[in-house]
Amino acid sequence: MSGGKIFYHPARPVKIIDTTGSGDAFSSGFLAGLILYQDLEAALKLGIFNSASCLTRVGAQEGLLTRKDLKLSKSKIGLKKMNL
């Protein structure tokens, strides 16, 4: 909750292979979004996108997104301004 607003974004529909590390992937994506954009909505989207990518692979580190991946996927994330 921020400024009286509650932020929500639905999960991305992906075929789940392994849930190991998905919470950490969300947290790291969310934190990266806060650092890059100082915006909760952008941070939430990056966290969800990173977590969904991790869910499609086996292990805690497989599937984690890089800056390059985020640049290629910005339309899927729904962020118009990305200063990567």
PDB file of N, CA and C in Angstrom:
ATOM      1  N   MET A   1       0.848  -1.174   0.000  1.00  0.00           N
ATOM      2  CA  MET A   1       0.000   0.000   0.000  1.00  0.00           C
ATOM      3  C   MET A   1       0.887   1.227   0.000  1.00  0.00           C
ATOM      4  N   SER A   2       0.565   2.181  -0.825  1.00  0.00           N
ATOM      5  CA  SER A   2       1.343   3.401  -0.917  1.00  0.00           C
ATOM      6  C   SER A   2       0.404   4.565  -1.191  1.00  0.00           C
ATOM      7  N   GLY A   3       0.442   5.559  -0.346  1.00  0.00           N
ATOM      8  CA  GLY A   3      -0.422   6.713  -0.545  1.00  0.00           C
ATOM      9  C   GLY A   3      -1.892   6.357  -0.570  1.00  0.00           C
ATOM     10  N   GLY A   4      -2.281   5.354   0.201  1.00  0.00           N
ATOM     11  CA  GLY A   4      -3.671   4.931   0.236  1.00  0.00           C
ATOM     12  C   GLY A   4      -4.079   4.021  -0.907  1.00  0.00           C
ATOM     13  N   LYS A   5      -3.134   3.648  -1.769  1.00  0.00           N
ATOM     14  CA  LYS A   5      -3.431   2.770  -2.898  1.00  0.00           C
ATOM     15  C   LYS A   5      -2.883   1.379  -2.614  1.00  0.00           C
ATOM     16  N   ILE A   6      -3.608   0.383  -3.055  1.00  0.00           N
ATOM     17  CA  ILE A   6      -3.154  -0.998  -2.989  1.00  0.00           C
ATOM     18  C   ILE A   6      -2.852  -1.431  -4.419  1.00  0.00           C
ATOM     19  N   PHE A   7      -1.656  -1.946  -4.631  1.00  0.00           N
ATOM     20  CA  PHE A   7      -1.238  -2.361  -5.962  1.00  0.00           C
ATOM     21  C   PHE A   7      -1.427  -3.864  -6.119  1.00  0.00           C
ATOM     22  N   TYR A   8      -1.959  -4.265  -7.264  1.00  0.00           N
ATOM     23  CA  TYR A   8      -2.171  -5.673  -7.569  1.00  0.00           C
ATOM     24  C   TYR A   8      -1.872  -5.889  -9.051  1.00  0.00           C
ATOM     25  N   HIS A   9      -1.282  -7.000  -9.345  1.00  0.00           N
ATOM     26  CA  HIS A   9      -1.081  -7.388 -10.730  1.00  0.00           C
ATOM     27  C   HIS A   9      -1.221  -8.900 -10.792  1.00  0.00           C
ATOM     28  N   PRO A  10      -2.005  -9.419 -11.710  1.00  0.00           N
ATOM     29  CA  PRO A  10      -2.183 -10.877 -11.775  1.00  0.00           C
ATOM     30  C   PRO A  10      -0.901 -11.578 -12.206  1.00  0.00           C
ATOM     31  N   ALA A  11      -0.803 -12.827 -11.843  1.00  0.00           N
ATOM     32  CA  ALA A  11       0.348 -13.637 -12.242  1.00  0.00           C
ATOM     33  C   ALA A  11       0.319 -13.860 -13.750  1.00  0.00           C
ATOM     34  N   ARG A  12       1.491 -14.053 -14.313  1.00  0.00           N
ATOM     35  CA  ARG A  12       1.570 -14.377 -15.744  1.00  0.00           C
ATOM     36  C   ARG A  12       1.254 -15.855 -15.926  1.00  0.00           C
ATOM     37  N   PRO A  13       0.452 -16.194 -16.911  1.00  0.00           N
ATOM     38  CA  PRO A  13       0.143 -17.607 -17.148  1.00  0.00           C
ATOM     39  C   PRO A  13       1.333 -18.309 -17.808  1.00  0.00           C
ATOM     40  N   VAL A  14       1.981 -19.182 -17.068  1.00  0.00           N
ATOM     41  CA  VAL A  14       3.118 -19.941 -17.590  1.00  0.00           C
ATOM     42  C   VAL A  14       2.973 -21.399 -17.173  1.00  0.00           C
ATOM     43  N   LYS A  15       3.627 -22.284 -17.902  1.00  0.00           N
ATOM     44  CA  LYS A  15       3.658 -23.691 -17.518  1.00  0.00           C
ATOM     45  C   LYS A  15       4.708 -23.839 -16.420  1.00  0.00           C
ATOM     46  N   ILE A  16       4.270 -24.180 -15.231  1.00  0.00           N
ATOM     47  CA  ILE A  16       5.166 -24.267 -14.085  1.00  0.00           C
ATOM     48  C   ILE A  16       5.931 -25.583 -14.115  1.00  0.00           C
ATOM     49  N   ILE A  17       7.249 -25.469 -14.118  1.00  0.00           N
ATOM     50  CA  ILE A  17       8.136 -26.630 -14.108  1.00  0.00           C
ATOM     51  C   ILE A  17       8.660 -26.861 -12.689  1.00  0.00           C
ATOM     52  N   ASP A  18       9.052 -25.783 -12.003  1.00  0.00           N
ATOM     53  CA  ASP A  18       9.626 -25.886 -10.661  1.00  0.00           C
ATOM     54  C   ASP A  18       9.413 -24.557  -9.946  1.00  0.00           C
ATOM     55  N   THR A  19       9.005 -24.618  -8.693  1.00  0.00           N
ATOM     56  CA  THR A  19       8.742 -23.387  -7.939  1.00  0.00           C
ATOM     57  C   THR A  19       9.946 -22.918  -7.121  1.00  0.00           C
ATOM     58  N   THR A  20      11.030 -23.681  -7.154  1.00  0.00           N
ATOM     59  CA  THR A  20      12.223 -23.314  -6.396  1.00  0.00           C
ATOM     60  C   THR A  20      12.733 -21.945  -6.843  1.00  0.00           C
ATOM     61  N   GLY A  21      12.864 -21.041  -5.900  1.00  0.00           N
ATOM     62  CA  GLY A  21      13.439 -19.730  -6.192  1.00  0.00           C
ATOM     63  C   GLY A  21      12.471 -18.703  -6.734  1.00  0.00           C
ATOM     64  N   SER A  22      11.211 -19.060  -6.923  1.00  0.00           N
ATOM     65  CA  SER A  22      10.285 -18.102  -7.534  1.00  0.00           C
ATOM     66  C   SER A  22      10.026 -16.889  -6.639  1.00  0.00           C
ATOM     67  N   GLY A  23       9.982 -17.094  -5.336  1.00  0.00           N
ATOM     68  CA  GLY A  23       9.801 -15.963  -4.418  1.00  0.00           C
ATOM     69  C   GLY A  23      11.004 -15.038  -4.422  1.00  0.00           C
ATOM     70  N   ASP A  24      12.198 -15.628  -4.444  1.00  0.00           N
ATOM     71  CA  ASP A  24      13.418 -14.823  -4.525  1.00  0.00           C
ATOM     72  C   ASP A  24      13.491 -14.080  -5.852  1.00  0.00           C
ATOM     73  N   ALA A  25      13.049 -14.743  -6.932  1.00  0.00           N
ATOM     74  CA  ALA A  25      13.047 -14.101  -8.248  1.00  0.00           C
ATOM     75  C   ALA A  25      12.097 -12.909  -8.250  1.00  0.00           C
ATOM     76  N   PHE A  26      10.932 -13.075  -7.606  1.00  0.00           N
ATOM     77  CA  PHE A  26      10.009 -11.944  -7.519  1.00  0.00           C
ATOM     78  C   PHE A  26      10.656 -10.797  -6.754  1.00  0.00           C
ATOM     79  N   SER A  27      11.256 -11.118  -5.615  1.00  0.00           N
ATOM     80  CA  SER A  27      11.860 -10.076  -4.773  1.00  0.00           C
ATOM     81  C   SER A  27      12.970  -9.336  -5.502  1.00  0.00           C
ATOM     82  N   SER A  28      13.823 -10.064  -6.205  1.00  0.00           N
ATOM     83  CA  SER A  28      14.931  -9.400  -6.896  1.00  0.00           C
ATOM     84  C   SER A  28      14.422  -8.545  -8.055  1.00  0.00           C
ATOM     85  N   GLY A  29      13.411  -9.019  -8.772  1.00  0.00           N
ATOM     86  CA  GLY A  29      12.824  -8.222  -9.840  1.00  0.00           C
ATOM     87  C   GLY A  29      12.120  -6.988  -9.305  1.00  0.00           C
ATOM     88  N   PHE A  30      11.407  -7.155  -8.198  1.00  0.00           N
ATOM     89  CA  PHE A  30      10.712  -6.036  -7.575  1.00  0.00           C
ATOM     90  C   PHE A  30      11.709  -4.975  -7.118  1.00  0.00           C
ATOM     91  N   LEU A  31      12.771  -5.408  -6.452  1.00  0.00           N
ATOM     92  CA  LEU A  31      13.776  -4.469  -5.976  1.00  0.00           C
ATOM     93  C   LEU A  31      14.466  -3.763  -7.141  1.00  0.00           C
ATOM     94  N   ALA A  32      14.763  -4.509  -8.205  1.00  0.00           N
ATOM     95  CA  ALA A  32      15.367  -3.896  -9.387  1.00  0.00           C
ATOM     96  C   ALA A  32      14.434  -2.826  -9.960  1.00  0.00           C
ATOM     97  N   GLY A  33      13.145  -3.112  -9.984  1.00  0.00           N
ATOM     98  CA  GLY A  33      12.175  -2.133 -10.468  1.00  0.00           C
ATOM     99  C   GLY A  33      12.134  -0.883  -9.616  1.00  0.00           C
ATOM    100  N   LEU A  34      12.214  -1.053  -8.302  1.00  0.00           N
ATOM    101  CA  LEU A  34      12.241   0.115  -7.419  1.00  0.00           C
ATOM    102  C   LEU A  34      13.500   0.949  -7.648  1.00  0.00           C
ATOM    103  N   ILE A  35      14.631   0.271  -7.814  1.00  0.00           N
ATOM    104  CA  ILE A  35      15.891   0.986  -8.028  1.00  0.00           C
ATOM    105  C   ILE A  35      15.892   1.708  -9.382  1.00  0.00           C
ATOM    106  N   LEU A  36      15.445   1.014 -10.433  1.00  0.00           N
ATOM    107  CA  LEU A  36      15.478   1.595 -11.778  1.00  0.00           C
ATOM    108  C   LEU A  36      14.436   2.683 -11.996  1.00  0.00           C
ATOM    109  N   TYR A  37      13.251   2.521 -11.407  1.00  0.00           N
ATOM    110  CA  TYR A  37      12.137   3.415 -11.732  1.00  0.00           C
ATOM    111  C   TYR A  37      11.582   4.227 -10.576  1.00  0.00           C
ATOM    112  N   GLN A  38      11.915   3.862  -9.338  1.00  0.00           N
ATOM    113  CA  GLN A  38      11.312   4.490  -8.159  1.00  0.00           C
ATOM    114  C   GLN A  38       9.784   4.529  -8.305  1.00  0.00           C
ATOM    115  N   ASP A  39       9.236   3.398  -8.772  1.00  0.00           N
ATOM    116  CA  ASP A  39       7.810   3.316  -9.063  1.00  0.00           C
ATOM    117  C   ASP A  39       7.299   1.937  -8.661  1.00  0.00           C
ATOM    118  N   LEU A  40       6.297   1.886  -7.787  1.00  0.00           N
ATOM    119  CA  LEU A  40       5.794   0.604  -7.298  1.00  0.00           C
ATOM    120  C   LEU A  40       5.136  -0.245  -8.380  1.00  0.00           C
ATOM    121  N   GLU A  41       4.418   0.382  -9.280  1.00  0.00           N
ATOM    122  CA  GLU A  41       3.751  -0.387 -10.329  1.00  0.00           C
ATOM    123  C   GLU A  41       4.775  -1.049 -11.248  1.00  0.00           C
ATOM    124  N   ALA A  42       5.804  -0.319 -11.651  1.00  0.00           N
ATOM    125  CA  ALA A  42       6.859  -0.883 -12.486  1.00  0.00           C
ATOM    126  C   ALA A  42       7.589  -1.989 -11.744  1.00  0.00           C
ATOM    127  N   ALA A  43       7.855  -1.779 -10.459  1.00  0.00           N
ATOM    128  CA  ALA A  43       8.550  -2.780  -9.651  1.00  0.00           C
ATOM    129  C   ALA A  43       7.724  -4.058  -9.559  1.00  0.00           C
ATOM    130  N   LEU A  44       6.434  -3.919  -9.374  1.00  0.00           N
ATOM    131  CA  LEU A  44       5.549  -5.077  -9.283  1.00  0.00           C
ATOM    132  C   LEU A  44       5.571  -5.870 -10.586  1.00  0.00           C
ATOM    133  N   LYS A  45       5.501  -5.182 -11.712  1.00  0.00           N
ATOM    134  CA  LYS A  45       5.524  -5.860 -13.010  1.00  0.00           C
ATOM    135  C   LYS A  45       6.844  -6.587 -13.237  1.00  0.00           C
ATOM    136  N   LEU A  46       7.951  -5.948 -12.894  1.00  0.00           N
ATOM    137  CA  LEU A  46       9.247  -6.600 -13.081  1.00  0.00           C
ATOM    138  C   LEU A  46       9.385  -7.824 -12.177  1.00  0.00           C
ATOM    139  N   GLY A  47       8.891  -7.723 -10.953  1.00  0.00           N
ATOM    140  CA  GLY A  47       8.939  -8.858 -10.035  1.00  0.00           C
ATOM    141  C   GLY A  47       8.142 -10.033 -10.557  1.00  0.00           C
ATOM    142  N   ILE A  48       6.954  -9.783 -11.042  1.00  0.00           N
ATOM    143  CA  ILE A  48       6.091 -10.842 -11.570  1.00  0.00           C
ATOM    144  C   ILE A  48       6.699 -11.462 -12.823  1.00  0.00           C
ATOM    145  N   PHE A  49       7.240 -10.639 -13.690  1.00  0.00           N
ATOM    146  CA  PHE A  49       7.827 -11.145 -14.921  1.00  0.00           C
ATOM    147  C   PHE A  49       9.053 -12.016 -14.633  1.00  0.00           C
ATOM    148  N   ASN A  50       9.907 -11.578 -13.700  1.00  0.00           N
ATOM    149  CA  ASN A  50      11.098 -12.337 -13.335  1.00  0.00           C
ATOM    150  C   ASN A  50      10.715 -13.663 -12.676  1.00  0.00           C
ATOM    151  N   SER A  51       9.739 -13.621 -11.802  1.00  0.00           N
ATOM    152  CA  SER A  51       9.288 -14.828 -11.122  1.00  0.00           C
ATOM    153  C   SER A  51       8.688 -15.830 -12.112  1.00  0.00           C
ATOM    154  N   ALA A  52       7.877 -15.348 -13.030  1.00  0.00           N
ATOM    155  CA  ALA A  52       7.253 -16.227 -14.024  1.00  0.00           C
ATOM    156  C   ALA A  52       8.314 -16.898 -14.887  1.00  0.00           C
ATOM    157  N   SER A  53       9.352 -16.165 -15.231  1.00  0.00           N
ATOM    158  CA  SER A  53      10.426 -16.737 -16.034  1.00  0.00           C
ATOM    159  C   SER A  53      11.144 -17.842 -15.263  1.00  0.00           C
ATOM    160  N   CYS A  54      11.352 -17.644 -13.983  1.00  0.00           N
ATOM    161  CA  CYS A  54      12.017 -18.631 -13.126  1.00  0.00           C
ATOM    162  C   CYS A  54      11.165 -19.902 -12.989  1.00  0.00           C
ATOM    163  N   LEU A  55       9.863 -19.750 -12.952  1.00  0.00           N
ATOM    164  CA  LEU A  55       8.964 -20.894 -12.790  1.00  0.00           C
ATOM    165  C   LEU A  55       9.013 -21.868 -13.961  1.00  0.00           C
ATOM    166  N   THR A  56       9.484 -21.402 -15.100  1.00  0.00           N
ATOM    167  CA  THR A  56       9.492 -22.239 -16.300  1.00  0.00           C
ATOM    168  C   THR A  56      10.757 -23.077 -16.445  1.00  0.00           C
ATOM    169  N   ARG A  57      11.646 -22.989 -15.461  1.00  0.00           N
ATOM    170  CA  ARG A  57      12.913 -23.733 -15.504  1.00  0.00           C
ATOM    171  C   ARG A  57      13.132 -24.476 -14.188  1.00  0.00           C
ATOM    172  N   VAL A  58      14.041 -25.433 -14.179  1.00  0.00           N
ATOM    173  CA  VAL A  58      14.376 -26.177 -12.967  1.00  0.00           C
ATOM    174  C   VAL A  58      15.508 -25.458 -12.240  1.00  0.00           C
ATOM    175  N   GLY A  59      15.314 -25.234 -10.942  1.00  0.00           N
ATOM    176  CA  GLY A  59      16.363 -24.622 -10.131  1.00  0.00           C
ATOM    177  C   GLY A  59      16.062 -23.178  -9.792  1.00  0.00           C
ATOM    178  N   ALA A  60      16.827 -22.680  -8.835  1.00  0.00           N
ATOM    179  CA  ALA A  60      16.572 -21.339  -8.314  1.00  0.00           C
ATOM    180  C   ALA A  60      17.144 -20.224  -9.190  1.00  0.00           C
ATOM    181  N   GLN A  61      18.137 -20.511 -10.014  1.00  0.00           N
ATOM    182  CA  GLN A  61      18.761 -19.447 -10.798  1.00  0.00           C
ATOM    183  C   GLN A  61      18.430 -19.503 -12.279  1.00  0.00           C
ATOM    184  N   GLU A  62      18.021 -20.657 -12.738  1.00  0.00           N
ATOM    185  CA  GLU A  62      17.665 -20.773 -14.156  1.00  0.00           C
ATOM    186  C   GLU A  62      16.439 -19.911 -14.446  1.00  0.00           C
ATOM    187  N   GLY A  63      16.485 -19.197 -15.541  1.00  0.00           N
ATOM    188  CA  GLY A  63      15.339 -18.389 -15.943  1.00  0.00           C
ATOM    189  C   GLY A  63      15.346 -16.971 -15.421  1.00  0.00           C
ATOM    190  N   LEU A  64      16.275 -16.632 -14.527  1.00  0.00           N
ATOM    191  CA  LEU A  64      16.330 -15.253 -14.039  1.00  0.00           C
ATOM    192  C   LEU A  64      16.647 -14.318 -15.199  1.00  0.00           C
ATOM    193  N   LEU A  65      15.994 -13.184 -15.236  1.00  0.00           N
ATOM    194  CA  LEU A  65      16.148 -12.253 -16.346  1.00  0.00           C
ATOM    195  C   LEU A  65      17.317 -11.303 -16.137  1.00  0.00           C
ATOM    196  N   THR A  66      17.950 -10.936 -17.228  1.00  0.00           N
ATOM    197  CA  THR A  66      19.025  -9.949 -17.224  1.00  0.00           C
ATOM    198  C   THR A  66      18.471  -8.638 -17.775  1.00  0.00           C
ATOM    199  N   ARG A  67      19.265  -7.596 -17.724  1.00  0.00           N
ATOM    200  CA  ARG A  67      18.828  -6.326 -18.323  1.00  0.00           C
ATOM    201  C   ARG A  67      18.524  -6.507 -19.805  1.00  0.00           C
ATOM    202  N   LYS A  68      19.350  -7.296 -20.481  1.00  0.00           N
ATOM    203  CA  LYS A  68      19.139  -7.549 -21.909  1.00  0.00           C
ATOM    204  C   LYS A  68      17.794  -8.233 -22.133  1.00  0.00           C
ATOM    205  N   ASP A  69      17.477  -9.222 -21.303  1.00  0.00           N
ATOM    206  CA  ASP A  69      16.182  -9.908 -21.422  1.00  0.00           C
ATOM    207  C   ASP A  69      15.032  -8.934 -21.219  1.00  0.00           C
ATOM    208  N   LEU A  70      15.176  -8.044 -20.262  1.00  0.00           N
ATOM    209  CA  LEU A  70      14.110  -7.083 -19.978  1.00  0.00           C
ATOM    210  C   LEU A  70      13.920  -6.114 -21.129  1.00  0.00           C
ATOM    211  N   LYS A  71      15.007  -5.719 -21.771  1.00  0.00           N
ATOM    212  CA  LYS A  71      14.883  -4.838 -22.930  1.00  0.00           C
ATOM    213  C   LYS A  71      14.112  -5.534 -24.046  1.00  0.00           C
ATOM    214  N   LEU A  72      14.417  -6.815 -24.272  1.00  0.00           N
ATOM    215  CA  LEU A  72      13.748  -7.562 -25.329  1.00  0.00           C
ATOM    216  C   LEU A  72      12.284  -7.831 -24.996  1.00  0.00           C
ATOM    217  N   SER A  73      11.941  -7.833 -23.712  1.00  0.00           N
ATOM    218  CA  SER A  73      10.604  -8.224 -23.269  1.00  0.00           C
ATOM    219  C   SER A  73       9.762  -7.056 -22.766  1.00  0.00           C
ATOM    220  N   LYS A  74      10.202  -5.818 -22.970  1.00  0.00           N
ATOM    221  CA  LYS A  74       9.511  -4.681 -22.351  1.00  0.00           C
ATOM    222  C   LYS A  74       8.044  -4.575 -22.758  1.00  0.00           C
ATOM    223  N   SER A  75       7.693  -4.961 -23.974  1.00  0.00           N
ATOM    224  CA  SER A  75       6.283  -4.875 -24.362  1.00  0.00           C
ATOM    225  C   SER A  75       5.448  -5.912 -23.622  1.00  0.00           C
ATOM    226  N   LYS A  76       6.037  -7.067 -23.308  1.00  0.00           N
ATOM    227  CA  LYS A  76       5.323  -8.086 -22.552  1.00  0.00           C
ATOM    228  C   LYS A  76       5.102  -7.636 -21.116  1.00  0.00           C
ATOM    229  N   ILE A  77       6.059  -6.884 -20.587  1.00  0.00           N
ATOM    230  CA  ILE A  77       5.946  -6.399 -19.218  1.00  0.00           C
ATOM    231  C   ILE A  77       4.939  -5.260 -19.148  1.00  0.00           C
ATOM    232  N   GLY A  78       4.834  -4.489 -20.218  1.00  0.00           N
ATOM    233  CA  GLY A  78       3.899  -3.385 -20.248  1.00  0.00           C
ATOM    234  C   GLY A  78       4.495  -2.074 -19.757  1.00  0.00           C
ATOM    235  N   LEU A  79       5.815  -1.975 -19.757  1.00  0.00           N
ATOM    236  CA  LEU A  79       6.461  -0.730 -19.367  1.00  0.00           C
ATOM    237  C   LEU A  79       6.871   0.008 -20.626  1.00  0.00           C
ATOM    238  N   LYS A  80       6.466   1.238 -20.720  1.00  0.00           N
ATOM    239  CA  LYS A  80       6.758   2.015 -21.919  1.00  0.00           C
ATOM    240  C   LYS A  80       8.142   2.674 -21.845  1.00  0.00           C
ATOM    241  N   LYS A  81       8.510   3.164 -20.673  1.00  0.00           N
ATOM    242  CA  LYS A  81       9.792   3.843 -20.520  1.00  0.00           C
ATOM    243  C   LYS A  81      10.717   2.963 -19.707  1.00  0.00           C
ATOM    244  N   MET A  82      11.733   2.437 -20.367  1.00  0.00           N
ATOM    245  CA  MET A  82      12.682   1.595 -19.676  1.00  0.00           C
ATOM    246  C   MET A  82      14.084   2.148 -19.890  1.00  0.00           C
ATOM    247  N   ASN A  83      14.694   2.617 -18.848  1.00  0.00           N
ATOM    248  CA  ASN A  83      16.039   3.172 -18.930  1.00  0.00           C
ATOM    249  C   ASN A  83      17.048   2.120 -18.528  1.00  0.00           C
ATOM    250  N   LEU A  84      17.123   1.044 -19.280  1.00  0.00           N
ATOM    251  CA  LEU A  84      18.050  -0.019 -18.951  1.00  0.00           C
ATOM    252  C   LEU A  84      19.352   0.285 -19.592  1.00  0.00           C
TER     253      LEU A  84
END
